[in-house]
Amino acid sequence: MAVEPPTGPLKVLLWTTGRSLSNAFLQCMTYVPDTIAWHEPYSQLGKFSNVVEGPAVSKTVQELVKTLGGASAVAKIESGYDASDKDYDWLKEQLESDLPDGKRMLFAKAHGAYIRRFSLFDKLPQGFRHTFLIRNPKATIMSKLKMSLKLQARSVKLPELPRDQFRIYEYLIELLKYLKAEGLESRPIIIDADDLLANPKEMLEAYCNEVGIPFTEDLLTWPAGDDVMTKIWMVPKQTILTYRAVGVHDGTFASTGFHKSPTTTVDSSSAEDELMKQIPPILAQVFKGMVDREYTYYEELYAERLTLNK
């Protein structure tokens, strides 16, 4: 059931996983008039803060910051915030604060599994609509593996991943249940990336109507380039510095809309076969096991997703 556009400020969290079109979705929402956009507030702070427990990647990316010039290089980044001395209490306060004059929406996309992995449920902000963006786990995990191979080819040092790295949808379900149990969200909206790619206008309009975001067809396209990250998003300065150096999201920043590619379709067997040739056989077996395990949890969320005939 669609809701009336809010008369006051609107705050929305989009819980998702990496490699799920979530950055493209954030780019889209960034251009809703009078919007403040946050990029992965929990996980990006966790990577670069010196005062909180962060993911396994923290040590690796902090070493990268040092090789790129350290604190002096960070200070030269004109936008964003320095995450080195920030913690999750600071983040919760920022998210709950009143919006600046002239702003009508705060939209943040965040990794839902991160909340469960680091037990950050008590750091979730009040006063938000909670929505979810999911994607078939085969496509998600294939994209993660491709990104790892790309970074290895560039001689980028990769961190040791946590054992539960691919317990994505299990953790998303735990987050969803927590939000309902604690009264933080009574009617979460779930959308699937493949539905969005198949019908961008219709699905985006349906999402906006359900959440109370004003929809126009202008939201279906956006400017190419990383200005959206370097000048608009709320994101650590360290993120801007390292993203520029590594180019991990070059494809995203080159995009101008929701478009299918050969690797974004779930039934792209040729892309899967080509990827399997590039990794050891034991990893290919692990890949299949991860997909099978995740799919059980993904289906539970998929069954509750927003569709055009609901």
Protein backbone atom coordinates (compact mmCIF):
# COMPACT_ATOMS: atom_id res chain seq x y z
CA MET A 1 0.00 0.00 0.00
CA ALA A 2 1.49 3.32 -1.05
CA VAL A 3 1.91 5.98 1.57
CA GLU A 4 1.41 9.71 1.34
CA PRO A 5 4.61 11.72 0.86
CA PRO A 6 5.78 12.91 4.28
CA THR A 7 5.03 16.47 5.32
CA GLY A 8 8.25 16.58 7.31
CA PRO A 9 11.77 15.19 6.81
CA LEU A 10 12.06 11.54 5.73
CA LYS A 11 14.87 9.21 6.76
CA VAL A 12 15.43 5.92 4.92
CA LEU A 13 17.92 3.09 5.33
CA LEU A 14 18.49 0.66 2.48
CA TRP A 15 19.95 -2.57 3.90
CA THR A 16 21.76 -4.61 1.31
CA THR A 17 24.92 -6.53 0.46
CA GLY A 18 27.91 -5.77 -1.69
CA ARG A 19 27.68 -6.30 -5.46
CA SER A 20 23.89 -5.91 -5.51
CA LEU A 21 23.46 -2.70 -7.55
CA SER A 22 23.30 -0.87 -4.24
CA ASN A 23 25.72 1.89 -5.24
CA ALA A 24 23.70 2.50 -8.39
CA PHE A 25 20.58 2.69 -6.24
CA LEU A 26 22.28 5.16 -3.92
CA GLN A 27 23.33 7.26 -6.92
CA CYS A 28 19.70 7.30 -8.01
CA MET A 29 18.40 8.37 -4.58
CA THR A 30 21.12 10.99 -4.22
CA TYR A 31 19.40 13.06 -6.89
CA VAL A 32 16.04 13.19 -5.16
CA PRO A 33 15.80 16.93 -4.50
CA ASP A 34 16.99 18.13 -1.07
CA THR A 35 18.56 14.80 -0.08
CA ILE A 36 21.55 13.94 2.11
CA ALA A 37 23.06 10.59 1.04
CA TRP A 38 25.23 8.34 3.24
CA HIS A 39 27.38 5.62 1.72
CA GLU A 40 27.78 2.50 3.91
CA PRO A 41 27.98 4.45 7.18
CA TYR A 42 28.68 1.48 9.47
CA SER A 43 31.15 -0.56 7.41
CA GLN A 44 33.11 2.41 6.07
CA LEU A 45 33.51 3.90 9.55
CA GLY A 46 34.54 0.46 10.82
CA LYS A 47 37.28 0.18 8.19
CA PHE A 48 39.00 3.44 9.05
CA SER A 49 38.21 4.20 12.69
CA ASN A 50 41.00 3.72 15.20
CA VAL A 51 38.58 3.42 18.12
CA VAL A 52 36.13 0.65 17.09
CA GLU A 53 36.36 -3.00 16.15
CA GLY A 54 36.29 -3.17 12.38
CA PRO A 55 36.20 -5.84 9.67
CA ALA A 56 39.15 -7.94 8.57
CA VAL A 57 39.75 -5.48 5.78
CA SER A 58 40.56 -2.66 8.25
CA LYS A 59 44.26 -3.39 8.67
CA THR A 60 44.78 -3.77 4.94
CA VAL A 61 43.00 -0.57 3.91
CA GLN A 62 44.60 1.41 6.73
CA GLU A 63 47.98 0.29 5.43
CA LEU A 64 46.87 1.46 2.00
CA VAL A 65 46.00 4.88 3.44
CA LYS A 66 49.54 5.12 4.82
CA THR A 67 51.10 4.28 1.47
CA LEU A 68 48.90 6.95 -0.15
CA GLY A 69 50.20 9.64 2.17
CA GLY A 70 48.55 8.95 5.50
CA ALA A 71 46.94 11.67 7.58
CA SER A 72 48.29 14.49 5.42
CA ALA A 73 46.69 12.98 2.31
CA VAL A 74 43.43 12.46 4.17
CA ALA A 75 43.42 16.09 5.31
CA LYS A 76 43.65 17.25 1.70
CA ILE A 77 40.35 15.57 0.82
CA GLU A 78 37.92 18.48 0.82
CA SER A 79 34.66 16.56 1.35
CA GLY A 80 33.63 13.78 3.70
CA TYR A 81 34.66 13.27 7.30
CA ASP A 82 37.79 11.92 8.98
CA ALA A 83 36.75 8.52 10.39
CA SER A 84 39.92 7.88 12.36
CA ASP A 85 38.57 9.19 15.69
CA LYS A 86 34.86 8.40 15.17
CA ASP A 87 32.83 5.61 16.75
CA TYR A 88 29.35 4.12 16.29
CA ASP A 89 27.83 6.33 19.00
CA TRP A 90 28.94 9.35 16.96
CA LEU A 91 27.40 7.77 13.88
CA LYS A 92 24.07 7.06 15.60
CA GLU A 93 23.93 10.66 16.80
CA GLN A 94 24.63 11.95 13.29
CA LEU A 95 21.92 9.80 11.73
CA GLU A 96 19.36 10.81 14.36
CA SER A 97 20.16 14.53 14.19
CA ASP A 98 17.73 16.99 12.62
CA LEU A 99 18.34 17.54 8.92
CA PRO A 100 19.96 20.85 7.93
CA ASP A 101 17.68 23.62 6.74
CA GLY A 102 16.54 22.99 3.19
CA LYS A 103 17.02 19.21 3.34
CA ARG A 104 13.96 16.96 3.27
CA MET A 105 15.41 13.45 3.13
CA LEU A 106 18.33 11.46 4.50
CA PHE A 107 18.96 8.29 2.49
CA ALA A 108 21.62 5.79 3.55
CA LYS A 109 22.57 2.46 2.05
CA ALA A 110 24.31 0.05 4.41
CA HIS A 111 25.49 -3.55 4.59
CA GLY A 112 22.97 -5.39 6.72
CA ALA A 113 25.22 -8.36 7.53
CA TYR A 114 27.72 -5.97 9.09
CA ILE A 115 25.25 -5.09 11.85
CA ARG A 116 24.89 -8.75 12.84
CA ARG A 117 28.59 -9.58 12.40
CA PHE A 118 29.68 -6.89 14.88
CA SER A 119 26.57 -6.92 17.11
CA LEU A 120 25.68 -3.30 16.40
CA PHE A 121 21.93 -3.61 16.91
CA ASP A 122 22.03 -1.06 19.73
CA LYS A 123 23.64 1.45 17.36
CA LEU A 124 20.70 1.47 14.95
CA PRO A 125 19.07 4.91 14.68
CA GLN A 126 15.52 5.78 15.62
CA GLY A 127 13.10 7.43 13.24
CA PHE A 128 13.97 5.62 9.98
CA ARG A 129 12.08 3.67 7.35
CA HIS A 130 13.94 0.41 6.78
CA THR A 131 14.07 -1.11 3.31
CA PHE A 132 16.06 -3.95 1.72
CA LEU A 133 17.69 -4.51 -1.65
CA ILE A 134 18.49 -8.16 -2.41
CA ARG A 135 20.08 -9.95 -5.34
CA ASN A 136 20.38 -13.60 -6.35
CA PRO A 137 23.35 -14.93 -4.34
CA LYS A 138 24.93 -16.55 -7.40
CA ALA A 139 25.20 -13.12 -9.05
CA THR A 140 26.40 -11.49 -5.83
CA ILE A 141 29.13 -14.04 -5.08
CA MET A 142 30.23 -14.20 -8.74
CA SER A 143 30.63 -10.43 -8.70
CA LYS A 144 32.66 -10.58 -5.47
CA LEU A 145 34.98 -13.20 -6.97
CA LYS A 146 35.40 -11.18 -10.16
CA MET A 147 36.27 -8.08 -8.15
CA SER A 148 38.87 -10.05 -6.17
CA LEU A 149 40.48 -11.34 -9.37
CA LYS A 150 40.52 -7.80 -10.77
CA LEU A 151 42.23 -6.43 -7.67
CA GLN A 152 44.75 -9.28 -7.62
CA ALA A 153 45.62 -8.48 -11.23
CA ARG A 154 46.40 -4.94 -10.08
CA SER A 155 48.61 -6.34 -7.28
CA VAL A 156 46.24 -4.96 -4.65
CA LYS A 157 46.75 -6.73 -1.33
CA LEU A 158 43.57 -8.56 -0.31
CA PRO A 159 42.66 -9.11 3.35
CA GLU A 160 41.82 -12.40 4.99
CA LEU A 161 38.04 -12.66 4.92
CA PRO A 162 36.01 -13.52 8.04
CA ARG A 163 34.61 -17.02 8.21
CA ASP A 164 31.06 -15.68 7.94
CA GLN A 165 31.80 -13.45 4.94
CA PHE A 166 29.11 -15.12 2.88
CA ARG A 167 26.44 -15.54 5.56
CA ILE A 168 24.79 -12.54 3.97
CA TYR A 169 21.12 -13.39 3.74
CA GLU A 170 21.02 -15.31 6.99
CA TYR A 171 22.23 -12.14 8.70
CA LEU A 172 19.87 -9.93 6.71
CA ILE A 173 16.95 -12.04 7.96
CA GLU A 174 18.20 -11.67 11.54
CA LEU A 175 18.32 -7.90 11.06
CA LEU A 176 14.83 -7.86 9.57
CA LYS A 177 13.43 -9.84 12.50
CA TYR A 178 15.17 -7.52 14.97
CA LEU A 179 13.71 -4.40 13.34
CA LYS A 180 10.22 -5.85 13.58
CA ALA A 181 10.61 -7.17 17.13
CA GLU A 182 11.94 -3.85 18.43
CA GLY A 183 9.29 -1.79 16.68
CA LEU A 184 11.80 -0.03 14.45
CA GLU A 185 10.00 -1.09 11.26
CA SER A 186 6.57 -2.69 11.02
CA ARG A 187 6.41 -2.96 7.22
CA PRO A 188 9.86 -3.28 5.64
CA ILE A 189 10.00 -2.91 1.86
CA ILE A 190 12.13 -5.49 0.00
CA ILE A 191 13.10 -5.11 -3.65
CA ASP A 192 15.11 -7.47 -5.83
CA ALA A 193 17.88 -6.26 -8.14
CA ASP A 194 16.73 -8.42 -11.05
CA ASP A 195 13.21 -7.00 -10.82
CA LEU A 196 14.73 -3.52 -10.81
CA LEU A 197 16.85 -4.24 -13.90
CA ALA A 198 13.90 -5.79 -15.73
CA ASN A 199 11.55 -2.85 -15.07
CA PRO A 200 13.55 0.13 -13.75
CA LYS A 201 10.83 2.77 -14.02
CA GLU A 202 8.00 0.65 -12.66
CA MET A 203 9.98 -0.87 -9.79
CA LEU A 204 11.59 2.40 -8.73
CA GLU A 205 8.24 4.16 -8.82
CA ALA A 206 6.66 1.37 -6.75
CA TYR A 207 9.50 1.58 -4.20
CA CYS A 208 9.21 5.36 -3.96
CA ASN A 209 5.44 5.20 -3.55
CA GLU A 210 5.72 2.63 -0.75
CA VAL A 211 8.34 4.61 1.15
CA GLY A 212 6.97 8.09 0.51
CA ILE A 213 9.72 9.38 -1.76
CA PRO A 214 8.61 11.72 -4.56
CA PHE A 215 9.21 9.93 -7.87
CA THR A 216 10.03 11.48 -11.21
CA GLU A 217 11.49 9.84 -14.30
CA ASP A 218 14.55 12.05 -13.85
CA LEU A 219 15.68 9.59 -11.16
CA LEU A 220 16.24 6.90 -13.79
CA THR A 221 19.43 8.57 -15.03
CA TRP A 222 22.31 10.33 -13.32
CA PRO A 223 25.67 11.85 -14.29
CA ALA A 224 28.66 9.57 -14.81
CA GLY A 225 31.78 10.15 -12.72
CA ASP A 226 32.81 9.91 -9.07
CA ASP A 227 31.69 13.43 -8.16
CA VAL A 228 28.74 11.82 -6.41
CA MET A 229 31.18 10.23 -3.94
CA THR A 230 33.81 12.95 -3.76
CA LYS A 231 31.45 15.92 -3.50
CA ILE A 232 28.01 14.76 -2.37
CA TRP A 233 27.94 11.57 -0.30
CA MET A 234 28.57 11.51 3.42
CA VAL A 235 31.55 9.16 3.50
CA PRO A 236 34.96 9.00 5.21
CA LYS A 237 37.75 10.95 3.58
CA GLN A 238 39.73 7.72 3.77
CA THR A 239 37.12 5.99 1.60
CA ILE A 240 37.47 8.64 -1.10
CA LEU A 241 41.26 8.35 -0.99
CA THR A 242 41.34 4.55 -1.28
CA TYR A 243 38.49 4.19 -3.78
CA ARG A 244 40.27 6.58 -6.12
CA ALA A 245 43.53 4.65 -5.81
CA VAL A 246 42.12 1.14 -6.22
CA GLY A 247 39.27 1.84 -8.62
CA VAL A 248 37.05 -0.77 -7.02
CA HIS A 249 33.86 1.03 -8.10
CA ASP A 250 34.97 2.42 -11.45
CA GLY A 251 32.17 0.54 -13.20
CA THR A 252 29.55 1.99 -10.89
CA PHE A 253 30.75 5.54 -11.36
CA ALA A 254 30.76 5.08 -15.12
CA SER A 255 27.08 4.11 -15.07
CA THR A 256 24.25 6.51 -15.85
CA GLY A 257 21.27 4.30 -15.08
CA PHE A 258 20.01 0.80 -14.31
CA HIS A 259 21.24 -1.26 -17.24
CA LYS A 260 21.71 -5.00 -17.65
CA SER A 261 25.12 -6.39 -18.52
CA PRO A 262 26.12 -9.98 -19.41
CA THR A 263 27.29 -10.54 -15.83
CA THR A 264 24.21 -9.11 -14.10
CA THR A 265 21.86 -11.79 -15.39
CA VAL A 266 21.48 -14.80 -13.12
CA ASP A 267 21.34 -17.28 -16.00
CA SER A 268 24.60 -16.09 -17.55
CA SER A 269 26.17 -19.56 -17.67
CA SER A 270 28.93 -18.45 -20.01
CA ALA A 271 30.07 -15.80 -17.53
CA GLU A 272 30.01 -18.37 -14.71
CA ASP A 273 31.97 -20.91 -16.77
CA GLU A 274 34.59 -18.30 -17.63
CA LEU A 275 34.93 -17.30 -13.96
CA MET A 276 35.28 -20.92 -12.82
CA LYS A 277 38.21 -21.35 -15.22
CA GLN A 278 40.07 -18.56 -13.44
CA ILE A 279 39.92 -20.02 -9.94
CA PRO A 280 41.26 -23.30 -8.47
CA PRO A 281 38.84 -26.28 -8.57
CA ILE A 282 38.55 -26.31 -4.79
CA LEU A 283 37.34 -22.70 -4.87
CA ALA A 284 34.81 -23.61 -7.55
CA GLN A 285 33.40 -26.24 -5.15
CA VAL A 286 33.32 -23.69 -2.34
CA PHE A 287 31.51 -21.26 -4.65
CA LYS A 288 28.74 -23.77 -5.33
CA GLY A 289 28.41 -24.56 -1.63
CA MET A 290 28.16 -20.88 -0.71
CA VAL A 291 25.52 -20.24 -3.36
CA ASP A 292 23.44 -23.24 -2.29
CA ARG A 293 23.59 -22.24 1.37
CA GLU A 294 22.77 -18.59 0.78
CA TYR A 295 19.96 -19.37 -1.62
CA THR A 296 17.84 -20.91 1.13
CA TYR A 297 17.85 -17.66 3.09
CA TYR A 298 17.58 -15.49 -0.02
CA GLU A 299 14.36 -17.27 -1.02
CA GLU A 300 12.78 -16.32 2.30
CA LEU A 301 13.38 -12.64 1.59
CA TYR A 302 12.53 -13.01 -2.09
CA ALA A 303 9.08 -14.34 -1.23
CA GLU A 304 8.34 -11.10 0.66
CA ARG A 305 9.66 -8.73 -2.01
CA LEU A 306 7.74 -5.87 -3.55
CA THR A 307 6.33 -6.84 -6.93
CA LEU A 308 4.43 -4.86 -9.53
CA ASN A 309 1.22 -6.83 -8.99
CA LYS A 310 1.15 -6.32 -5.21
